[in-house]
Amino acid sequence: MNGSINNQTGFTLIELLIVIAIVGILAVVSGSQYIQLKERAYDLDAQTSLQHLYRACKIYWGNNSSTSVCDVSAVSGPSYGFVSSSNITISGSGTESTFSATANHSASTNTLTINSAGAVS
């Protein structure tokens, strides 16, 4: 029978290549978004640690004097409850009017700062 119809089903090579290209593009786009979101999460962890330090220092100044110098060692432990994340490096100190501290997550290149008003930048 020379007039028989070819009933093969499946995808052509071109269709498969187009699907692979689309999946590749989606992977590249989502991968870069993932990296940005991950760094933002690390920075948020550092910001939260700074805010906790500031709140603990506010309690410290209330219990002592606003001219007392507050730093990480003064408010760490059960008295003031400050505990920093293990991946965060925090430094800084000051009185209630001169307080300033910085924080950096070990997996982020950004350094965040908090001032005596409690504003993080």
PDB file of N, CA and C in Angstrom:
ATOM      1  N   MET A   1       0.813  -1.173   0.000  1.00  0.00           N
ATOM      2  CA  MET A   1       0.000   0.000   0.000  1.00  0.00           C
ATOM      3  C   MET A   1       0.862   1.244   0.000  1.00  0.00           C
ATOM      4  N   ASN A   2       0.932   1.841  -1.099  1.00  0.00           N
ATOM      5  CA  ASN A   2       1.721   3.052  -1.227  1.00  0.00           C
ATOM      6  C   ASN A   2       1.011   4.264  -0.651  1.00  0.00           C
ATOM      7  N   GLY A   3      -0.252   4.287  -0.501  1.00  0.00           N
ATOM      8  CA  GLY A   3      -1.013   5.443  -0.039  1.00  0.00           C
ATOM      9  C   GLY A   3      -1.293   5.421   1.455  1.00  0.00           C
ATOM     10  N   SER A   4      -0.577   4.627   2.246  1.00  0.00           N
ATOM     11  CA  SER A   4      -0.858   4.569   3.687  1.00  0.00           C
ATOM     12  C   SER A   4      -0.417   5.862   4.387  1.00  0.00           C
ATOM     13  N   ILE A   5      -1.133   6.218   5.472  1.00  0.00           N
ATOM     14  CA  ILE A   5      -0.853   7.436   6.234  1.00  0.00           C
ATOM     15  C   ILE A   5       0.115   7.079   7.358  1.00  0.00           C
ATOM     16  N   ASN A   6       1.114   7.903   7.530  1.00  0.00           N
ATOM     17  CA  ASN A   6       2.109   7.718   8.582  1.00  0.00           C
ATOM     18  C   ASN A   6       1.530   8.266   9.891  1.00  0.00           C
ATOM     19  N   ASN A   7       1.232   7.429  10.863  1.00  0.00           N
ATOM     20  CA  ASN A   7       0.599   7.827  12.123  1.00  0.00           C
ATOM     21  C   ASN A   7       1.595   7.878  13.279  1.00  0.00           C
ATOM     22  N   GLN A   8       2.788   8.329  13.041  1.00  0.00           N
ATOM     23  CA  GLN A   8       3.765   8.435  14.120  1.00  0.00           C
ATOM     24  C   GLN A   8       3.431   9.657  14.972  1.00  0.00           C
ATOM     25  N   THR A   9       3.491   9.466  16.279  1.00  0.00           N
ATOM     26  CA  THR A   9       3.241  10.583  17.191  1.00  0.00           C
ATOM     27  C   THR A   9       4.525  10.890  17.944  1.00  0.00           C
ATOM     28  N   GLY A  10       4.608  12.105  18.469  1.00  0.00           N
ATOM     29  CA  GLY A  10       5.788  12.520  19.223  1.00  0.00           C
ATOM     30  C   GLY A  10       6.157  13.951  18.886  1.00  0.00           C
ATOM     31  N   PHE A  11       7.257  14.384  19.441  1.00  0.00           N
ATOM     32  CA  PHE A  11       7.718  15.751  19.230  1.00  0.00           C
ATOM     33  C   PHE A  11       8.842  15.756  18.213  1.00  0.00           C
ATOM     34  N   THR A  12       8.906  16.808  17.452  1.00  0.00           N
ATOM     35  CA  THR A  12      10.006  16.948  16.500  1.00  0.00           C
ATOM     36  C   THR A  12      11.221  17.484  17.247  1.00  0.00           C
ATOM     37  N   LEU A  13      12.352  17.386  16.630  1.00  0.00           N
ATOM     38  CA  LEU A  13      13.593  17.881  17.221  1.00  0.00           C
ATOM     39  C   LEU A  13      13.509  19.386  17.471  1.00  0.00           C
ATOM     40  N   ILE A  14      12.935  20.124  16.563  1.00  0.00           N
ATOM     41  CA  ILE A  14      12.786  21.579  16.712  1.00  0.00           C
ATOM     42  C   ILE A  14      11.931  21.905  17.931  1.00  0.00           C
ATOM     43  N   GLU A  15      10.834  21.201  18.123  1.00  0.00           N
ATOM     44  CA  GLU A  15       9.968  21.452  19.279  1.00  0.00           C
ATOM     45  C   GLU A  15      10.709  21.181  20.589  1.00  0.00           C
ATOM     46  N   LEU A  16      11.474  20.114  20.620  1.00  0.00           N
ATOM     47  CA  LEU A  16      12.241  19.801  21.823  1.00  0.00           C
ATOM     48  C   LEU A  16      13.299  20.859  22.101  1.00  0.00           C
ATOM     49  N   LEU A  17      13.978  21.338  21.076  1.00  0.00           N
ATOM     50  CA  LEU A  17      14.996  22.375  21.259  1.00  0.00           C
ATOM     51  C   LEU A  17      14.380  23.678  21.762  1.00  0.00           C
ATOM     52  N   ILE A  18      13.204  24.020  21.274  1.00  0.00           N
ATOM     53  CA  ILE A  18      12.525  25.238  21.733  1.00  0.00           C
ATOM     54  C   ILE A  18      12.156  25.112  23.210  1.00  0.00           C
ATOM     55  N   VAL A  19      11.644  23.968  23.610  1.00  0.00           N
ATOM     56  CA  VAL A  19      11.284  23.753  25.020  1.00  0.00           C
ATOM     57  C   VAL A  19      12.527  23.824  25.902  1.00  0.00           C
ATOM     58  N   ILE A  20      13.618  23.220  25.472  1.00  0.00           N
ATOM     59  CA  ILE A  20      14.863  23.261  26.242  1.00  0.00           C
ATOM     60  C   ILE A  20      15.368  24.694  26.365  1.00  0.00           C
ATOM     61  N   ALA A  21      15.282  25.470  25.299  1.00  0.00           N
ATOM     62  CA  ALA A  21      15.712  26.870  25.341  1.00  0.00           C
ATOM     63  C   ALA A  21      14.860  27.676  26.313  1.00  0.00           C
ATOM     64  N   ILE A  22      13.560  27.476  26.299  1.00  0.00           N
ATOM     65  CA  ILE A  22      12.664  28.200  27.213  1.00  0.00           C
ATOM     66  C   ILE A  22      12.962  27.831  28.663  1.00  0.00           C
ATOM     67  N   VAL A  23      13.158  26.557  28.938  1.00  0.00           N
ATOM     68  CA  VAL A  23      13.484  26.118  30.298  1.00  0.00           C
ATOM     69  C   VAL A  23      14.819  26.720  30.738  1.00  0.00           C
ATOM     70  N   GLY A  24      15.783  26.785  29.844  1.00  0.00           N
ATOM     71  CA  GLY A  24      17.078  27.389  30.164  1.00  0.00           C
ATOM     72  C   GLY A  24      16.955  28.861  30.506  1.00  0.00           C
ATOM     73  N   ILE A  25      16.171  29.595  29.743  1.00  0.00           N
ATOM     74  CA  ILE A  25      15.964  31.024  30.009  1.00  0.00           C
ATOM     75  C   ILE A  25      15.287  31.213  31.364  1.00  0.00           C
ATOM     76  N   LEU A  26      14.275  30.419  31.654  1.00  0.00           N
ATOM     77  CA  LEU A  26      13.591  30.511  32.951  1.00  0.00           C
ATOM     78  C   LEU A  26      14.537  30.197  34.108  1.00  0.00           C
ATOM     79  N   ALA A  27      15.424  29.241  33.918  1.00  0.00           N
ATOM     80  CA  ALA A  27      16.381  28.888  34.968  1.00  0.00           C
ATOM     81  C   ALA A  27      17.346  30.035  35.246  1.00  0.00           C
ATOM     82  N   VAL A  28      17.813  30.700  34.205  1.00  0.00           N
ATOM     83  CA  VAL A  28      18.735  31.827  34.380  1.00  0.00           C
ATOM     84  C   VAL A  28      18.050  32.974  35.108  1.00  0.00           C
ATOM     85  N   VAL A  29      16.841  33.308  34.702  1.00  0.00           N
ATOM     86  CA  VAL A  29      16.110  34.420  35.317  1.00  0.00           C
ATOM     87  C   VAL A  29      15.796  34.111  36.780  1.00  0.00           C
ATOM     88  N   SER A  30      15.299  32.933  37.056  1.00  0.00           N
ATOM     89  CA  SER A  30      14.939  32.601  38.436  1.00  0.00           C
ATOM     90  C   SER A  30      16.180  32.443  39.310  1.00  0.00           C
ATOM     91  N   GLY A  31      17.288  32.007  38.747  1.00  0.00           N
ATOM     92  CA  GLY A  31      18.527  31.876  39.512  1.00  0.00           C
ATOM     93  C   GLY A  31      19.043  33.211  39.996  1.00  0.00           C
ATOM     94  N   SER A  32      19.012  34.223  39.147  1.00  0.00           N
ATOM     95  CA  SER A  32      19.479  35.548  39.563  1.00  0.00           C
ATOM     96  C   SER A  32      18.534  36.155  40.591  1.00  0.00           C
ATOM     97  N   GLN A  33      17.238  35.924  40.455  1.00  0.00           N
ATOM     98  CA  GLN A  33      16.278  36.410  41.449  1.00  0.00           C
ATOM     99  C   GLN A  33      16.519  35.730  42.799  1.00  0.00           C
ATOM    100  N   TYR A  34      16.825  34.457  42.773  1.00  0.00           N
ATOM    101  CA  TYR A  34      17.081  33.712  44.005  1.00  0.00           C
ATOM    102  C   TYR A  34      18.286  34.284  44.744  1.00  0.00           C
ATOM    103  N   ILE A  35      19.341  34.602  44.016  1.00  0.00           N
ATOM    104  CA  ILE A  35      20.547  35.156  44.635  1.00  0.00           C
ATOM    105  C   ILE A  35      20.243  36.502  45.286  1.00  0.00           C
ATOM    106  N   GLN A  36      19.482  37.351  44.595  1.00  0.00           N
ATOM    107  CA  GLN A  36      19.122  38.655  45.158  1.00  0.00           C
ATOM    108  C   GLN A  36      18.250  38.500  46.398  1.00  0.00           C
ATOM    109  N   LEU A  37      17.302  37.592  46.369  1.00  0.00           N
ATOM    110  CA  LEU A  37      16.430  37.373  47.524  1.00  0.00           C
ATOM    111  C   LEU A  37      17.202  36.811  48.714  1.00  0.00           C
ATOM    112  N   LYS A  38      18.171  35.964  48.427  1.00  0.00           N
ATOM    113  CA  LYS A  38      18.977  35.385  49.490  1.00  0.00           C
ATOM    114  C   LYS A  38      19.806  36.472  50.182  1.00  0.00           C
ATOM    115  N   GLU A  39      20.415  37.359  49.412  1.00  0.00           N
ATOM    116  CA  GLU A  39      21.199  38.447  50.006  1.00  0.00           C
ATOM    117  C   GLU A  39      20.299  39.392  50.799  1.00  0.00           C
ATOM    118  N   ARG A  40      19.099  39.653  50.296  1.00  0.00           N
ATOM    119  CA  ARG A  40      18.159  40.499  51.029  1.00  0.00           C
ATOM    120  C   ARG A  40      17.778  39.859  52.369  1.00  0.00           C
ATOM    121  N   ALA A  41      17.638  38.546  52.387  1.00  0.00           N
ATOM    122  CA  ALA A  41      17.317  37.843  53.638  1.00  0.00           C
ATOM    123  C   ALA A  41      18.473  37.931  54.632  1.00  0.00           C
ATOM    124  N   TYR A  42      19.708  37.820  54.146  1.00  0.00           N
ATOM    125  CA  TYR A  42      20.871  37.971  55.022  1.00  0.00           C
ATOM    126  C   TYR A  42      20.909  39.376  55.622  1.00  0.00           C
ATOM    127  N   ASP A  43      20.637  40.384  54.802  1.00  0.00           N
ATOM    128  CA  ASP A  43      20.632  41.763  55.288  1.00  0.00           C
ATOM    129  C   ASP A  43      19.511  41.988  56.300  1.00  0.00           C
ATOM    130  N   LEU A  44      18.378  41.354  56.086  1.00  0.00           N
ATOM    131  CA  LEU A  44      17.272  41.475  57.034  1.00  0.00           C
ATOM    132  C   LEU A  44      17.640  40.846  58.381  1.00  0.00           C
ATOM    133  N   ASP A  45      18.392  39.764  58.357  1.00  0.00           N
ATOM    134  CA  ASP A  45      18.871  39.140  59.592  1.00  0.00           C
ATOM    135  C   ASP A  45      19.795  40.100  60.341  1.00  0.00           C
ATOM    136  N   ALA A  46      20.701  40.762  59.621  1.00  0.00           N
ATOM    137  CA  ALA A  46      21.597  41.741  60.245  1.00  0.00           C
ATOM    138  C   ALA A  46      20.809  42.928  60.788  1.00  0.00           C
ATOM    139  N   GLN A  47      19.821  43.394  60.044  1.00  0.00           N
ATOM    140  CA  GLN A  47      18.990  44.519  60.485  1.00  0.00           C
ATOM    141  C   GLN A  47      18.235  44.159  61.763  1.00  0.00           C
ATOM    142  N   THR A  48      17.693  42.963  61.813  1.00  0.00           N
ATOM    143  CA  THR A  48      16.963  42.518  62.999  1.00  0.00           C
ATOM    144  C   THR A  48      17.880  42.459  64.215  1.00  0.00           C
ATOM    145  N   SER A  49      19.106  41.985  64.031  1.00  0.00           N
ATOM    146  CA  SER A  49      20.059  41.944  65.144  1.00  0.00           C
ATOM    147  C   SER A  49      20.376  43.347  65.642  1.00  0.00           C
ATOM    148  N   LEU A  50      20.535  44.298  64.725  1.00  0.00           N
ATOM    149  CA  LEU A  50      20.785  45.683  65.133  1.00  0.00           C
ATOM    150  C   LEU A  50      19.610  46.249  65.924  1.00  0.00           C
ATOM    151  N   GLN A  51      18.404  45.974  65.473  1.00  0.00           N
ATOM    152  CA  GLN A  51      17.221  46.477  66.175  1.00  0.00           C
ATOM    153  C   GLN A  51      17.093  45.845  67.560  1.00  0.00           C
ATOM    154  N   HIS A  52      17.428  44.575  67.689  1.00  0.00           N
ATOM    155  CA  HIS A  52      17.397  43.923  69.000  1.00  0.00           C
ATOM    156  C   HIS A  52      18.459  44.521  69.917  1.00  0.00           C
ATOM    157  N   LEU A  53      19.642  44.797  69.379  1.00  0.00           N
ATOM    158  CA  LEU A  53      20.692  45.443  70.170  1.00  0.00           C
ATOM    159  C   LEU A  53      20.223  46.809  70.649  1.00  0.00           C
ATOM    160  N   TYR A  54      19.610  47.576  69.776  1.00  0.00           N
ATOM    161  CA  TYR A  54      19.134  48.913  70.136  1.00  0.00           C
ATOM    162  C   TYR A  54      18.078  48.830  71.245  1.00  0.00           C
ATOM    163  N   ARG A  55      17.145  47.903  71.129  1.00  0.00           N
ATOM    164  CA  ARG A  55      16.105  47.758  72.162  1.00  0.00           C
ATOM    165  C   ARG A  55      16.709  47.332  73.504  1.00  0.00           C
ATOM    166  N   ALA A  56      17.679  46.427  73.460  1.00  0.00           N
ATOM    167  CA  ALA A  56      18.347  46.007  74.696  1.00  0.00           C
ATOM    168  C   ALA A  56      19.109  47.177  75.314  1.00  0.00           C
ATOM    169  N   CYS A  57      19.727  48.001  74.493  1.00  0.00           N
ATOM    170  CA  CYS A  57      20.442  49.178  75.000  1.00  0.00           C
ATOM    171  C   CYS A  57      19.469  50.189  75.604  1.00  0.00           C
ATOM    172  N   LYS A  58      18.284  50.336  75.017  1.00  0.00           N
ATOM    173  CA  LYS A  58      17.278  51.245  75.594  1.00  0.00           C
ATOM    174  C   LYS A  58      16.914  50.787  77.013  1.00  0.00           C
ATOM    175  N   ILE A  59      16.765  49.491  77.207  1.00  0.00           N
ATOM    176  CA  ILE A  59      16.480  48.964  78.545  1.00  0.00           C
ATOM    177  C   ILE A  59      17.679  49.206  79.461  1.00  0.00           C
ATOM    178  N   TYR A  60      18.883  48.986  78.934  1.00  0.00           N
ATOM    179  CA  TYR A  60      20.120  49.208  79.694  1.00  0.00           C
ATOM    180  C   TYR A  60      20.208  50.660  80.158  1.00  0.00           C
ATOM    181  N   TRP A  61      19.948  51.600  79.266  1.00  0.00           N
ATOM    182  CA  TRP A  61      20.005  53.018  79.648  1.00  0.00           C
ATOM    183  C   TRP A  61      18.913  53.356  80.654  1.00  0.00           C
ATOM    184  N   GLY A  62      17.765  52.724  80.533  1.00  0.00           N
ATOM    185  CA  GLY A  62      16.693  52.945  81.500  1.00  0.00           C
ATOM    186  C   GLY A  62      17.053  52.442  82.889  1.00  0.00           C
ATOM    187  N   ASN A  63      17.781  51.335  82.954  1.00  0.00           N
ATOM    188  CA  ASN A  63      18.186  50.765  84.243  1.00  0.00           C
ATOM    189  C   ASN A  63      19.391  51.469  84.841  1.00  0.00           C
ATOM    190  N   ASN A  64      20.234  52.034  84.010  1.00  0.00           N
ATOM    191  CA  ASN A  64      21.457  52.681  84.481  1.00  0.00           C
ATOM    192  C   ASN A  64      21.327  54.193  84.313  1.00  0.00           C
ATOM    193  N   SER A  65      21.941  54.696  83.293  1.00  0.00           N
ATOM    194  CA  SER A  65      21.888  56.132  83.015  1.00  0.00           C
ATOM    195  C   SER A  65      22.001  56.315  81.512  1.00  0.00           C
ATOM    196  N   SER A  66      21.396  57.363  80.994  1.00  0.00           N
ATOM    197  CA  SER A  66      21.482  57.606  79.551  1.00  0.00           C
ATOM    198  C   SER A  66      22.894  57.975  79.131  1.00  0.00           C
ATOM    199  N   THR A  67      23.763  58.288  80.103  1.00  0.00           N
ATOM    200  CA  THR A  67      25.157  58.598  79.778  1.00  0.00           C
ATOM    201  C   THR A  67      26.056  57.375  79.910  1.00  0.00           C
ATOM    202  N   SER A  68      25.490  56.236  80.310  1.00  0.00           N
ATOM    203  CA  SER A  68      26.261  54.990  80.365  1.00  0.00           C
ATOM    204  C   SER A  68      26.499  54.485  78.947  1.00  0.00           C
ATOM    205  N   VAL A  69      27.671  53.920  78.731  1.00  0.00           N
ATOM    206  CA  VAL A  69      28.012  53.387  77.410  1.00  0.00           C
ATOM    207  C   VAL A  69      27.446  51.976  77.281  1.00  0.00           C
ATOM    208  N   CYS A  70      26.675  51.768  76.235  1.00  0.00           N
ATOM    209  CA  CYS A  70      26.094  50.455  75.953  1.00  0.00           C
ATOM    210  C   CYS A  70      26.805  49.849  74.751  1.00  0.00           C
ATOM    211  N   ASP A  71      27.152  48.584  74.864  1.00  0.00           N
ATOM    212  CA  ASP A  71      27.702  47.842  73.734  1.00  0.00           C
ATOM    213  C   ASP A  71      27.195  46.407  73.809  1.00  0.00           C
ATOM    214  N   VAL A  72      27.646  45.577  72.904  1.00  0.00           N
ATOM    215  CA  VAL A  72      27.153  44.198  72.823  1.00  0.00           C
ATOM    216  C   VAL A  72      27.415  43.444  74.121  1.00  0.00           C
ATOM    217  N   SER A  73      28.603  43.605  74.686  1.00  0.00           N
ATOM    218  CA  SER A  73      28.930  42.855  75.905  1.00  0.00           C
ATOM    219  C   SER A  73      28.096  43.309  77.100  1.00  0.00           C
ATOM    220  N   ALA A  74      27.677  44.575  77.127  1.00  0.00           N
ATOM    221  CA  ALA A  74      26.884  45.087  78.253  1.00  0.00           C
ATOM    222  C   ALA A  74      25.472  44.511  78.270  1.00  0.00           C
ATOM    223  N   VAL A  75      24.927  44.179  77.117  1.00  0.00           N
ATOM    224  CA  VAL A  75      23.531  43.728  77.055  1.00  0.00           C
ATOM    225  C   VAL A  75      23.375  42.258  76.675  1.00  0.00           C
ATOM    226  N   SER A  76      24.489  41.554  76.478  1.00  0.00           N
ATOM    227  CA  SER A  76      24.410  40.120  76.172  1.00  0.00           C
ATOM    228  C   SER A  76      24.095  39.353  77.442  1.00  0.00           C
ATOM    229  N   GLY A  77      23.358  38.295  77.299  1.00  0.00           N
ATOM    230  CA  GLY A  77      23.036  37.467  78.447  1.00  0.00           C
ATOM    231  C   GLY A  77      21.613  37.662  78.922  1.00  0.00           C
ATOM    232  N   PRO A  78      21.282  37.014  80.037  1.00  0.00           N
ATOM    233  CA  PRO A  78      19.888  36.995  80.487  1.00  0.00           C
ATOM    234  C   PRO A  78      19.363  38.332  81.017  1.00  0.00           C
ATOM    235  N   SER A  79      20.234  39.207  81.503  1.00  0.00           N
ATOM    236  CA  SER A  79      19.759  40.465  82.087  1.00  0.00           C
ATOM    237  C   SER A  79      19.009  41.329  81.087  1.00  0.00           C
ATOM    238  N   TYR A  80      19.554  41.450  79.881  1.00  0.00           N
ATOM    239  CA  TYR A  80      18.932  42.307  78.865  1.00  0.00           C
ATOM    240  C   TYR A  80      18.452  41.518  77.657  1.00  0.00           C
ATOM    241  N   GLY A  81      18.821  40.248  77.580  1.00  0.00           N
ATOM    242  CA  GLY A  81      18.263  39.352  76.579  1.00  0.00           C
ATOM    243  C   GLY A  81      18.794  39.473  75.169  1.00  0.00           C
ATOM    244  N   PHE A  82      19.900  40.191  74.973  1.00  0.00           N
ATOM    245  CA  PHE A  82      20.401  40.315  73.602  1.00  0.00           C
ATOM    246  C   PHE A  82      21.212  39.084  73.225  1.00  0.00           C
ATOM    247  N   VAL A  83      20.819  38.456  72.125  1.00  0.00           N
ATOM    248  CA  VAL A  83      21.556  37.333  71.552  1.00  0.00           C
ATOM    249  C   VAL A  83      21.632  37.578  70.055  1.00  0.00           C
ATOM    250  N   SER A  84      22.838  37.653  69.547  1.00  0.00           N
ATOM    251  CA  SER A  84      23.021  37.882  68.114  1.00  0.00           C
ATOM    252  C   SER A  84      23.066  36.556  67.377  1.00  0.00           C
ATOM    253  N   SER A  85      22.680  36.587  66.122  1.00  0.00           N
ATOM    254  CA  SER A  85      22.780  35.407  65.272  1.00  0.00           C
ATOM    255  C   SER A  85      24.249  35.028  65.127  1.00  0.00           C
ATOM    256  N   SER A  86      24.520  33.751  64.990  1.00  0.00           N
ATOM    257  CA  SER A  86      25.910  33.292  64.898  1.00  0.00           C
ATOM    258  C   SER A  86      26.597  33.758  63.622  1.00  0.00           C
ATOM    259  N   ASN A  87      25.836  34.128  62.609  1.00  0.00           N
ATOM    260  CA  ASN A  87      26.428  34.567  61.345  1.00  0.00           C
ATOM    261  C   ASN A  87      26.557  36.078  61.239  1.00  0.00           C
ATOM    262  N   ILE A  88      26.223  36.803  62.297  1.00  0.00           N
ATOM    263  CA  ILE A  88      26.229  38.260  62.278  1.00  0.00           C
ATOM    264  C   ILE A  88      27.400  38.775  63.102  1.00  0.00           C
ATOM    265  N   THR A  89      28.140  39.727  62.543  1.00  0.00           N
ATOM    266  CA  THR A  89      29.189  40.429  63.269  1.00  0.00           C
ATOM    267  C   THR A  89      28.672  41.821  63.590  1.00  0.00           C
ATOM    268  N   ILE A  90      28.606  42.142  64.887  1.00  0.00           N
ATOM    269  CA  ILE A  90      28.100  43.446  65.325  1.00  0.00           C
ATOM    270  C   ILE A  90      29.195  44.153  66.103  1.00  0.00           C
ATOM    271  N   SER A  91      29.362  45.432  65.815  1.00  0.00           N
ATOM    272  CA  SER A  91      30.281  46.252  66.592  1.00  0.00           C
ATOM    273  C   SER A  91      29.667  47.627  66.764  1.00  0.00           C
ATOM    274  N   GLY A  92      30.069  48.289  67.822  1.00  0.00           N
ATOM    275  CA  GLY A  92      29.585  49.633  68.079  1.00  0.00           C
ATOM    276  C   GLY A  92      29.191  49.803  69.520  1.00  0.00           C
ATOM    277  N   SER A  93      29.062  51.046  69.922  1.00  0.00           N
ATOM    278  CA  SER A  93      28.689  51.366  71.294  1.00  0.00           C
ATOM    279  C   SER A  93      28.333  52.839  71.360  1.00  0.00           C
ATOM    280  N   GLY A  94      27.957  53.277  72.547  1.00  0.00           N
ATOM    281  CA  GLY A  94      27.685  54.687  72.755  1.00  0.00           C
ATOM    282  C   GLY A  94      26.683  54.913  73.859  1.00  0.00           C
ATOM    283  N   THR A  95      26.547  56.170  74.204  1.00  0.00           N
ATOM    284  CA  THR A  95      25.531  56.564  75.163  1.00  0.00           C
ATOM    285  C   THR A  95      24.204  56.656  74.425  1.00  0.00           C
ATOM    286  N   GLU A  96      23.153  57.003  75.137  1.00  0.00           N
ATOM    287  CA  GLU A  96      21.843  57.070  74.491  1.00  0.00           C
ATOM    288  C   GLU A  96      21.816  58.106  73.367  1.00  0.00           C
ATOM    289  N   SER A  97      22.591  59.175  73.499  1.00  0.00           N
ATOM    290  CA  SER A  97      22.577  60.221  72.467  1.00  0.00           C
ATOM    291  C   SER A  97      23.647  60.033  71.396  1.00  0.00           C
ATOM    292  N   THR A  98      24.641  59.173  71.647  1.00  0.00           N
ATOM    293  CA  THR A  98      25.729  58.999  70.673  1.00  0.00           C
ATOM    294  C   THR A  98      25.821  57.584  70.121  1.00  0.00           C
ATOM    295  N   PHE A  99      24.847  56.749  70.423  1.00  0.00           N
ATOM    296  CA  PHE A  99      24.917  55.331  70.055  1.00  0.00           C
ATOM    297  C   PHE A  99      24.991  55.139  68.544  1.00  0.00           C
ATOM    298  N   SER A 100      25.840  54.221  68.138  1.00  0.00           N
ATOM    299  CA  SER A 100      25.957  53.819  66.737  1.00  0.00           C
ATOM    300  C   SER A 100      26.531  52.406  66.706  1.00  0.00           C
ATOM    301  N   ALA A 101      25.986  51.567  65.845  1.00  0.00           N
ATOM    302  CA  ALA A 101      26.481  50.197  65.718  1.00  0.00           C
ATOM    303  C   ALA A 101      26.351  49.751  64.269  1.00  0.00           C
ATOM    304  N   THR A 102      27.201  48.822  63.877  1.00  0.00           N
ATOM    305  CA  THR A 102      27.160  48.262  62.530  1.00  0.00           C
ATOM    306  C   THR A 102      27.017  46.747  62.625  1.00  0.00           C
ATOM    307  N   ALA A 103      26.415  46.174  61.606  1.00  0.00           N
ATOM    308  CA  ALA A 103      26.247  44.718  61.546  1.00  0.00           C
ATOM    309  C   ALA A 103      26.467  44.246  60.123  1.00  0.00           C
ATOM    310  N   ASN A 104      27.033  43.049  60.016  1.00  0.00           N
ATOM    311  CA  ASN A 104      27.298  42.443  58.722  1.00  0.00           C
ATOM    312  C   ASN A 104      27.056  40.952  58.834  1.00  0.00           C
ATOM    313  N   HIS A 105      26.306  40.406  57.884  1.00  0.00           N
ATOM    314  CA  HIS A 105      26.106  38.958  57.820  1.00  0.00           C
ATOM    315  C   HIS A 105      27.292  38.361  57.080  1.00  0.00           C
ATOM    316  N   SER A 106      27.753  37.210  57.524  1.00  0.00           N
ATOM    317  CA  SER A 106      28.943  36.593  56.931  1.00  0.00           C
ATOM    318  C   SER A 106      28.762  36.245  55.458  1.00  0.00           C
ATOM    319  N   ALA A 107      27.529  36.069  54.996  1.00  0.00           N
ATOM    320  CA  ALA A 107      27.282  35.704  53.603  1.00  0.00           C
ATOM    321  C   ALA A 107      26.860  36.897  52.750  1.00  0.00           C
ATOM    322  N   SER A 108      26.935  38.106  53.305  1.00  0.00           N
ATOM    323  CA  SER A 108      26.523  39.295  52.559  1.00  0.00           C
ATOM    324  C   SER A 108      27.682  40.283  52.484  1.00  0.00           C
ATOM    325  N   THR A 109      27.700  41.070  51.446  1.00  0.00           N
ATOM    326  CA  THR A 109      28.734  42.095  51.293  1.00  0.00           C
ATOM    327  C   THR A 109      28.293  43.431  51.879  1.00  0.00           C
ATOM    328  N   ASN A 110      27.047  43.543  52.294  1.00  0.00           N
ATOM    329  CA  ASN A 110      26.509  44.804  52.805  1.00  0.00           C
ATOM    330  C   ASN A 110      26.745  44.940  54.304  1.00  0.00           C
ATOM    331  N   THR A 111      26.984  46.181  54.734  1.00  0.00           N
ATOM    332  CA  THR A 111      27.108  46.507  56.148  1.00  0.00           C
ATOM    333  C   THR A 111      26.000  47.485  56.498  1.00  0.00           C
ATOM    334  N   LEU A 112      25.254  47.172  57.548  1.00  0.00           N
ATOM    335  CA  LEU A 112      24.146  48.014  57.980  1.00  0.00           C
ATOM    336  C   LEU A 112      24.536  48.760  59.246  1.00  0.00           C
ATOM    337  N   THR A 113      23.955  49.953  59.431  1.00  0.00           N
ATOM    338  CA  THR A 113      24.264  50.805  60.573  1.00  0.00           C
ATOM    339  C   THR A 113      22.975  51.236  61.254  1.00  0.00           C
ATOM    340  N   ILE A 114      23.020  51.329  62.577  1.00  0.00           N
ATOM    341  CA  ILE A 114      21.899  51.876  63.342  1.00  0.00           C
ATOM    342  C   ILE A 114      22.419  53.066  64.141  1.00  0.00           C
ATOM    343  N   ASN A 115      21.615  54.116  64.245  1.00  0.00           N
ATOM    344  CA  ASN A 115      22.041  55.317  64.959  1.00  0.00           C
ATOM    345  C   ASN A 115      21.312  55.442  66.290  1.00  0.00           C
ATOM    346  N   SER A 116      21.549  56.554  66.979  1.00  0.00           N
ATOM    347  CA  SER A 116      20.970  56.745  68.313  1.00  0.00           C
ATOM    348  C   SER A 116      19.456  56.923  68.286  1.00  0.00           C
ATOM    349  N   ALA A 117      18.886  57.197  67.127  1.00  0.00           N
ATOM    350  CA  ALA A 117      17.430  57.305  67.000  1.00  0.00           C
ATOM    351  C   ALA A 117      16.784  55.958  66.665  1.00  0.00           C
ATOM    352  N   GLY A 118      17.603  54.939  66.413  1.00  0.00           N
ATOM    353  CA  GLY A 118      17.079  53.618  66.078  1.00  0.00           C
ATOM    354  C   GLY A 118      16.841  53.409  64.598  1.00  0.00           C
ATOM    355  N   ALA A 119      17.335  54.328  63.771  1.00  0.00           N
ATOM    356  CA  ALA A 119      17.148  54.211  62.320  1.00  0.00           C
ATOM    357  C   ALA A 119      18.263  53.357  61.720  1.00  0.00           C
ATOM    358  N   VAL A 120      17.871  52.369  60.949  1.00  0.00           N
ATOM    359  CA  VAL A 120      18.829  51.468  60.302  1.00  0.00           C
ATOM    360  C   VAL A 120      19.020  51.908  58.860  1.00  0.00           C
ATOM    361  N   SER A 121      20.278  51.974  58.453  1.00  0.00           N
ATOM    362  CA  SER A 121      20.573  52.317  57.049  1.00  0.00           C
ATOM    363  C   SER A 121      21.671  51.420  56.514  1.00  0.00           C
TER     364      SER A 121
END
